[in-house]
């Protein structure tokens, strides 16, 4: 049963943009304009436009932040249909930004003063608007890379709508960037004594060492996000939850997920890891979790992850810094 219950503690607080680095200050995507005009063509001929270059999965940065260059200083477009130019949108200061993607081994002599880093490293290092721009750039670039052909007939598609859609010339079908919804949940018990309240964390089979995090999984067809929470927790940790509260969301372009964050209250206490996706599950009080994080016996998610925000929201204070 998924319903609010009479409980001793307050409802789970919503997570703010300052807690979710990938969901920071938005920029103007100019979604209406790109439906009716070829903004990419306009960008290529404008001296005022700036280009964000992605070399593979990395972006150029300087001490001032994300490096955006004039069109005439950007590398030439590759001509690869899986690496098209995309009009990303307009920043708060009015700057229009064009995305250009080049292969990872491309030599870029005009960028000698820039360092190249991936989104995981830059997620908490850039101003919020630049982070949002980079998250969007990576997500749409990966979609083009992975979907150059029509899913209906298999034929090559054409890039339309300023880089935000692909059209099949054979059957006229229109295809848009894909985002897969996934739930991520902090499972807690709700003991009246706050010193005895606990959070349940799991260690994935994909992780080495002592890494523990909240539980997550994709929403299946015909399933609500709340239903997915109950199913995933039951499958991975072997327990039932009977209260599911939404806390916030964050894009996760690795490659194309939208993480929907929840807190859920455990209805049962006995746990059993599934042994396939999750190898171990452990209950922690706040005191135990802080001690384990500080002495290194448990490694918790880093700040770019919504999992970090969910844990900190329950804990009520910051966690020690981690590279994860």
Protein backbone atom coordinates (compact mmCIF):
# COMPACT_ATOMS: atom_id res chain seq x y z
CA UNK A 1 0.00 0.00 0.00
CA UNK A 2 1.36 3.43 -0.95
CA UNK A 3 -0.17 6.10 1.21
CA UNK A 4 0.77 8.71 3.81
CA UNK A 5 0.75 7.35 7.34
CA UNK A 6 0.37 9.04 10.71
CA UNK A 7 3.96 9.30 11.83
CA UNK A 8 5.93 10.96 14.58
CA UNK A 9 8.34 12.75 12.23
CA UNK A 10 7.67 15.53 9.72
CA UNK A 11 7.27 14.78 6.01
CA UNK A 12 10.48 14.44 4.03
CA UNK A 13 11.63 17.90 2.91
CA UNK A 14 11.93 18.70 -0.77
CA UNK A 15 15.47 18.97 -2.10
CA UNK A 16 16.48 22.42 -3.38
CA UNK A 17 18.58 23.24 -6.47
CA UNK A 18 21.58 23.99 -4.26
CA UNK A 19 21.52 20.34 -3.14
CA UNK A 20 21.27 18.96 -6.69
CA UNK A 21 24.20 20.21 -8.79
CA UNK A 22 22.84 18.84 -12.07
CA UNK A 23 19.49 20.56 -11.52
CA UNK A 24 20.78 24.07 -10.95
CA UNK A 25 19.94 27.35 -12.65
CA UNK A 26 18.26 26.69 -16.02
CA UNK A 27 19.00 28.54 -19.24
CA UNK A 28 16.56 29.52 -22.02
CA UNK A 29 16.35 26.56 -24.40
CA UNK A 30 14.40 28.67 -26.92
CA UNK A 31 12.15 25.68 -27.51
CA UNK A 32 9.47 27.61 -29.41
CA UNK A 33 11.92 29.35 -31.74
CA UNK A 34 13.76 26.16 -32.64
CA UNK A 35 10.47 24.62 -33.79
CA UNK A 36 10.05 27.27 -36.48
CA UNK A 37 13.54 28.46 -37.48
CA UNK A 38 16.87 26.85 -38.22
CA UNK A 39 18.73 28.32 -35.28
CA UNK A 40 21.82 26.27 -36.07
CA UNK A 41 22.19 28.00 -39.44
CA UNK A 42 21.74 31.36 -37.75
CA UNK A 43 24.33 30.47 -35.12
CA UNK A 44 26.96 29.47 -37.68
CA UNK A 45 26.80 32.89 -39.33
CA UNK A 46 26.69 35.03 -36.18
CA UNK A 47 29.71 36.73 -34.59
CA UNK A 48 27.80 36.96 -31.30
CA UNK A 49 27.23 33.22 -30.88
CA UNK A 50 29.54 31.14 -28.70
CA UNK A 51 30.35 27.47 -29.24
CA UNK A 52 30.60 24.80 -26.57
CA UNK A 53 32.95 22.12 -27.89
CA UNK A 54 32.70 18.60 -26.52
CA UNK A 55 35.71 16.43 -27.30
CA UNK A 56 34.35 12.98 -26.68
CA UNK A 57 32.80 13.29 -23.22
CA UNK A 58 35.01 16.14 -22.03
CA UNK A 59 34.59 19.92 -22.10
CA UNK A 60 37.17 22.73 -22.03
CA UNK A 61 37.48 24.80 -18.86
CA UNK A 62 39.66 27.66 -17.67
CA UNK A 63 39.92 29.24 -14.21
CA UNK A 64 36.96 31.44 -15.26
CA UNK A 65 34.73 28.42 -15.98
CA UNK A 66 33.40 26.68 -19.07
CA UNK A 67 35.21 27.87 -22.20
CA UNK A 68 32.85 29.06 -24.93
CA UNK A 69 34.54 30.23 -28.14
CA UNK A 70 33.43 32.32 -31.14
CA UNK A 71 32.26 30.37 -34.17
CA UNK A 72 35.37 31.22 -36.19
CA UNK A 73 37.61 29.83 -33.41
CA UNK A 74 35.72 26.54 -33.05
CA UNK A 75 36.88 23.37 -34.84
CA UNK A 76 35.11 22.63 -38.10
CA UNK A 77 31.97 20.55 -37.94
CA UNK A 78 32.77 16.87 -38.51
CA UNK A 79 29.97 16.19 -40.99
CA UNK A 80 29.23 13.00 -39.06
CA UNK A 81 25.42 12.61 -38.83
CA UNK A 82 25.91 11.21 -35.32
CA UNK A 83 27.71 14.42 -34.27
CA UNK A 84 25.49 17.25 -35.52
CA UNK A 85 25.62 20.84 -34.36
CA UNK A 86 22.86 21.62 -31.85
CA UNK A 87 21.47 25.00 -30.78
CA UNK A 88 21.53 24.65 -27.01
CA UNK A 89 19.83 27.94 -26.14
CA UNK A 90 20.47 31.35 -24.62
CA UNK A 91 22.22 32.15 -21.35
CA UNK A 92 20.96 34.72 -18.84
CA UNK A 93 23.28 37.37 -20.29
CA UNK A 94 21.76 36.85 -23.74
CA UNK A 95 24.59 34.75 -25.20
CA UNK A 96 23.39 32.11 -27.67
CA UNK A 97 25.27 28.81 -27.47
CA UNK A 98 25.91 26.24 -30.21
CA UNK A 99 27.06 22.71 -29.37
CA UNK A 100 29.74 21.13 -31.56
CA UNK A 101 30.99 17.61 -30.82
CA UNK A 102 34.28 16.19 -32.10
CA UNK A 103 35.94 12.80 -31.58
CA UNK A 104 37.99 12.24 -28.46
CA UNK A 105 41.32 12.11 -30.32
CA UNK A 106 40.81 15.41 -32.18
CA UNK A 107 43.75 17.81 -32.00
CA UNK A 108 42.55 21.28 -30.96
CA UNK A 109 45.51 23.67 -31.01
CA UNK A 110 43.36 26.72 -30.30
CA UNK A 111 42.49 25.32 -26.88
CA UNK A 112 46.02 25.14 -25.46
CA UNK A 113 45.10 27.16 -22.37
CA UNK A 114 42.09 24.97 -21.52
CA UNK A 115 41.90 21.83 -19.40
CA UNK A 116 39.52 19.10 -20.53
CA UNK A 117 37.34 17.39 -17.94
CA UNK A 118 34.23 15.25 -17.83
CA UNK A 119 30.89 16.13 -16.30
CA UNK A 120 31.49 14.10 -13.14
CA UNK A 121 34.51 16.24 -12.32
CA UNK A 122 32.89 19.53 -13.34
CA UNK A 123 29.46 19.00 -11.81
CA UNK A 124 30.25 20.82 -8.58
CA UNK A 125 33.04 23.05 -9.93
CA UNK A 126 31.09 25.21 -12.39
CA UNK A 127 28.47 27.92 -11.80
CA UNK A 128 24.94 26.44 -11.84
CA UNK A 129 23.99 27.84 -15.26
CA UNK A 130 27.12 26.43 -16.85
CA UNK A 131 26.51 23.06 -15.21
CA UNK A 132 22.98 22.97 -16.64
CA UNK A 133 24.35 23.84 -20.07
CA UNK A 134 26.93 21.07 -19.90
CA UNK A 135 24.45 18.49 -18.61
CA UNK A 136 22.13 19.29 -21.52
CA UNK A 137 24.98 19.23 -24.05
CA UNK A 138 26.18 15.81 -22.92
CA UNK A 139 22.68 14.33 -22.89
CA UNK A 140 21.70 15.50 -26.37
CA UNK A 141 25.12 14.62 -27.81
CA UNK A 142 24.87 11.06 -26.50
CA UNK A 143 21.37 10.72 -27.95
CA UNK A 144 22.56 11.73 -31.41
CA UNK A 145 25.54 9.38 -31.14
CA UNK A 146 23.37 6.40 -30.23
CA UNK A 147 20.33 7.07 -32.43
CA UNK A 148 21.40 8.06 -35.97
CA UNK A 149 18.91 5.64 -37.52
CA UNK A 150 15.14 5.28 -37.54
CA UNK A 151 13.89 2.79 -34.93
CA UNK A 152 11.03 1.83 -37.27
CA UNK A 153 12.77 1.09 -40.59
CA UNK A 154 16.47 1.29 -39.75
CA UNK A 155 17.18 3.97 -42.33
CA UNK A 156 19.40 7.00 -41.65
CA UNK A 157 17.58 9.99 -40.19
CA UNK A 158 17.97 13.72 -40.81
CA UNK A 159 18.66 16.21 -38.03
CA UNK A 160 15.85 18.79 -37.73
CA UNK A 161 14.49 21.37 -35.28
CA UNK A 162 17.86 22.97 -34.64
CA UNK A 163 19.36 19.67 -33.49
CA UNK A 164 16.57 18.68 -31.12
CA UNK A 165 14.88 16.04 -33.28
CA UNK A 166 15.60 13.58 -36.08
CA UNK A 167 13.26 12.83 -38.98
CA UNK A 168 13.13 9.68 -41.06
CA UNK A 169 12.86 10.59 -44.78
CA UNK A 170 11.44 7.16 -45.54
CA UNK A 171 8.37 7.08 -43.29
CA UNK A 172 8.29 10.74 -42.11
CA UNK A 173 8.44 9.68 -38.45
CA UNK A 174 9.84 12.22 -36.00
CA UNK A 175 12.09 11.21 -33.10
CA UNK A 176 13.13 13.19 -30.04
CA UNK A 177 15.91 12.85 -27.43
CA UNK A 178 15.18 9.99 -25.09
CA UNK A 179 15.06 10.32 -21.31
CA UNK A 180 14.57 7.22 -19.15
CA UNK A 181 12.83 7.80 -15.79
CA UNK A 182 14.42 6.07 -12.83
CA UNK A 183 13.61 6.12 -9.13
CA UNK A 184 16.18 6.48 -6.38
CA UNK A 185 15.08 6.07 -2.79
CA UNK A 186 16.34 6.52 0.75
CA UNK A 187 14.72 3.75 2.80
CA UNK A 188 14.39 4.71 6.46
CA UNK A 189 12.68 3.46 9.57
CA UNK A 190 10.70 5.92 11.65
CA UNK A 191 11.40 5.10 15.28
CA UNK A 192 10.00 7.73 17.69
CA UNK A 193 13.47 8.06 19.23
CA UNK A 194 15.50 9.96 16.64
CA UNK A 195 18.75 8.46 17.95
CA UNK A 196 17.44 5.04 16.93
CA UNK A 197 16.15 6.01 13.50
CA UNK A 198 18.01 4.26 10.69
CA UNK A 199 18.66 4.41 6.95
CA UNK A 200 19.11 1.33 4.77
CA UNK A 201 21.92 1.37 2.20
CA UNK A 202 23.11 -1.23 -0.27
CA UNK A 203 26.34 -2.23 -2.01
CA UNK A 204 25.95 -2.84 -5.72
CA UNK A 205 27.59 -5.73 -7.55
CA UNK A 206 28.98 -3.12 -9.96
CA UNK A 207 31.02 -1.37 -7.26
CA UNK A 208 34.34 -2.34 -5.80
CA UNK A 209 35.32 -1.96 -2.18
CA UNK A 210 33.01 -0.65 0.51
CA UNK A 211 30.73 1.68 -1.50
CA UNK A 212 27.16 1.95 -0.23
CA UNK A 213 24.30 4.02 -1.54
CA UNK A 214 20.54 4.35 -1.77
CA UNK A 215 18.46 2.03 -3.94
CA UNK A 216 17.60 2.83 -7.55
CA UNK A 217 16.04 1.34 -10.65
CA UNK A 218 14.25 2.20 -13.86
CA UNK A 219 10.50 2.75 -14.02
CA UNK A 220 8.94 -0.02 -16.10
CA UNK A 221 6.16 0.43 -18.71
CA UNK A 222 2.75 0.86 -17.12
CA UNK A 223 4.25 1.63 -13.71
CA UNK A 224 4.09 4.80 -11.62
CA UNK A 225 7.22 6.13 -9.96
CA UNK A 226 5.81 5.25 -6.52
CA UNK A 227 5.06 1.70 -7.64
CA UNK A 228 8.60 1.42 -8.96
CA UNK A 229 9.97 2.43 -5.55
CA UNK A 230 8.05 -0.33 -3.80
CA UNK A 231 9.04 -2.93 -6.41
CA UNK A 232 12.73 -2.02 -6.55
CA UNK A 233 13.17 -1.96 -2.77
CA UNK A 234 11.38 -5.28 -2.47
CA UNK A 235 13.50 -6.87 -5.21
CA UNK A 236 16.88 -5.49 -4.13
CA UNK A 237 16.61 -5.40 -0.32
CA UNK A 238 13.81 -7.84 0.43
CA UNK A 239 11.72 -5.44 2.50
CA UNK A 240 8.36 -3.71 2.13
CA UNK A 241 7.83 0.05 2.30
CA UNK A 242 4.46 1.63 2.97
CA UNK A 243 5.11 5.37 2.72
CA UNK A 244 6.67 6.93 -0.38
CA UNK A 245 7.40 10.67 -0.44
CA UNK A 246 8.81 12.56 -3.41
CA UNK A 247 11.87 14.72 -2.65
CA UNK A 248 13.21 16.03 -5.96
CA UNK A 249 14.65 15.12 -9.34
CA UNK A 250 17.91 15.45 -11.21
CA UNK A 251 19.01 14.69 -14.78
CA UNK A 252 21.68 12.02 -14.94
CA UNK A 253 23.14 11.95 -18.48
CA UNK A 254 25.13 8.73 -18.11
CA UNK A 255 23.69 8.33 -20.65
CA UNK A 256 20.08 9.51 -20.45
CA UNK A 257 18.25 9.11 -17.13
CA UNK A 258 16.03 11.37 -15.07
CA UNK A 259 16.46 10.42 -11.42
CA UNK A 260 13.27 10.83 -9.36
CA UNK A 261 14.23 10.99 -5.70
CA UNK A 262 12.07 9.60 -2.89
CA UNK A 263 12.15 8.77 0.78
CA UNK A 264 10.29 5.62 1.82
CA UNK A 265 9.51 4.27 5.29
CA UNK A 266 10.23 0.59 5.89
CA UNK A 267 7.22 -1.52 6.84
CA UNK A 268 9.42 -4.53 7.64
CA UNK A 269 12.89 -4.61 9.21
CA UNK A 270 14.40 -7.92 8.06
CA UNK A 271 16.48 -7.46 4.91
CA UNK A 272 17.81 -9.78 2.24
CA UNK A 273 20.05 -8.57 -0.59
CA UNK A 274 19.10 -10.10 -3.92
CA UNK A 275 22.68 -11.31 -4.43
CA UNK A 276 22.75 -10.22 -8.07
CA UNK A 277 22.32 -6.44 -8.31
CA UNK A 278 22.84 -5.82 -4.58
CA UNK A 279 25.44 -7.85 -2.68
CA UNK A 280 24.90 -6.44 0.80
CA UNK A 281 22.44 -4.22 2.66
CA UNK A 282 23.02 -2.53 6.01
CA UNK A 283 21.02 -0.43 8.45
CA UNK A 284 22.77 2.64 9.91
CA UNK A 285 21.75 5.04 12.65
CA UNK A 286 22.90 8.62 12.10
CA UNK A 287 25.74 8.11 14.55
CA UNK A 288 26.83 4.88 12.89
CA UNK A 289 26.72 6.35 9.40
CA UNK A 290 28.80 9.39 10.30
CA UNK A 291 31.36 7.24 12.09
CA UNK A 292 31.62 4.83 9.15
CA UNK A 293 31.99 7.68 6.66
CA UNK A 294 34.67 9.38 8.76
CA UNK A 295 36.80 6.30 9.39
CA UNK A 296 36.50 5.11 5.78
CA UNK A 297 34.84 1.79 6.54
CA UNK A 298 31.99 2.90 4.26
CA UNK A 299 32.27 5.10 1.17
CA UNK A 300 29.16 7.16 0.36
CA UNK A 301 28.11 8.91 -2.88
CA UNK A 302 29.72 12.21 -3.86
CA UNK A 303 27.95 15.55 -4.11
CA UNK A 304 27.00 15.35 -7.79
CA UNK A 305 24.63 12.45 -7.08
CA UNK A 306 21.06 12.83 -5.89
CA UNK A 307 21.85 9.84 -3.67
CA UNK A 308 24.17 12.13 -1.69
CA UNK A 309 21.38 14.71 -1.31
CA UNK A 310 18.89 12.06 -0.14
CA UNK A 311 21.30 10.76 2.50
CA UNK A 312 22.25 14.26 3.71
CA UNK A 313 18.57 15.28 3.88
CA UNK A 314 17.87 12.38 6.23
CA UNK A 315 21.12 12.76 8.16
CA UNK A 316 20.61 16.47 8.83
CA UNK A 317 24.24 17.45 8.22
CA UNK A 318 26.95 17.23 5.56
CA UNK A 319 28.94 14.11 4.87
CA UNK A 320 32.74 13.95 4.61
CA UNK A 321 33.99 14.72 1.08
CA UNK A 322 34.40 11.76 -1.27
CA UNK A 323 35.65 11.33 -4.83
CA UNK A 324 32.79 9.00 -5.69
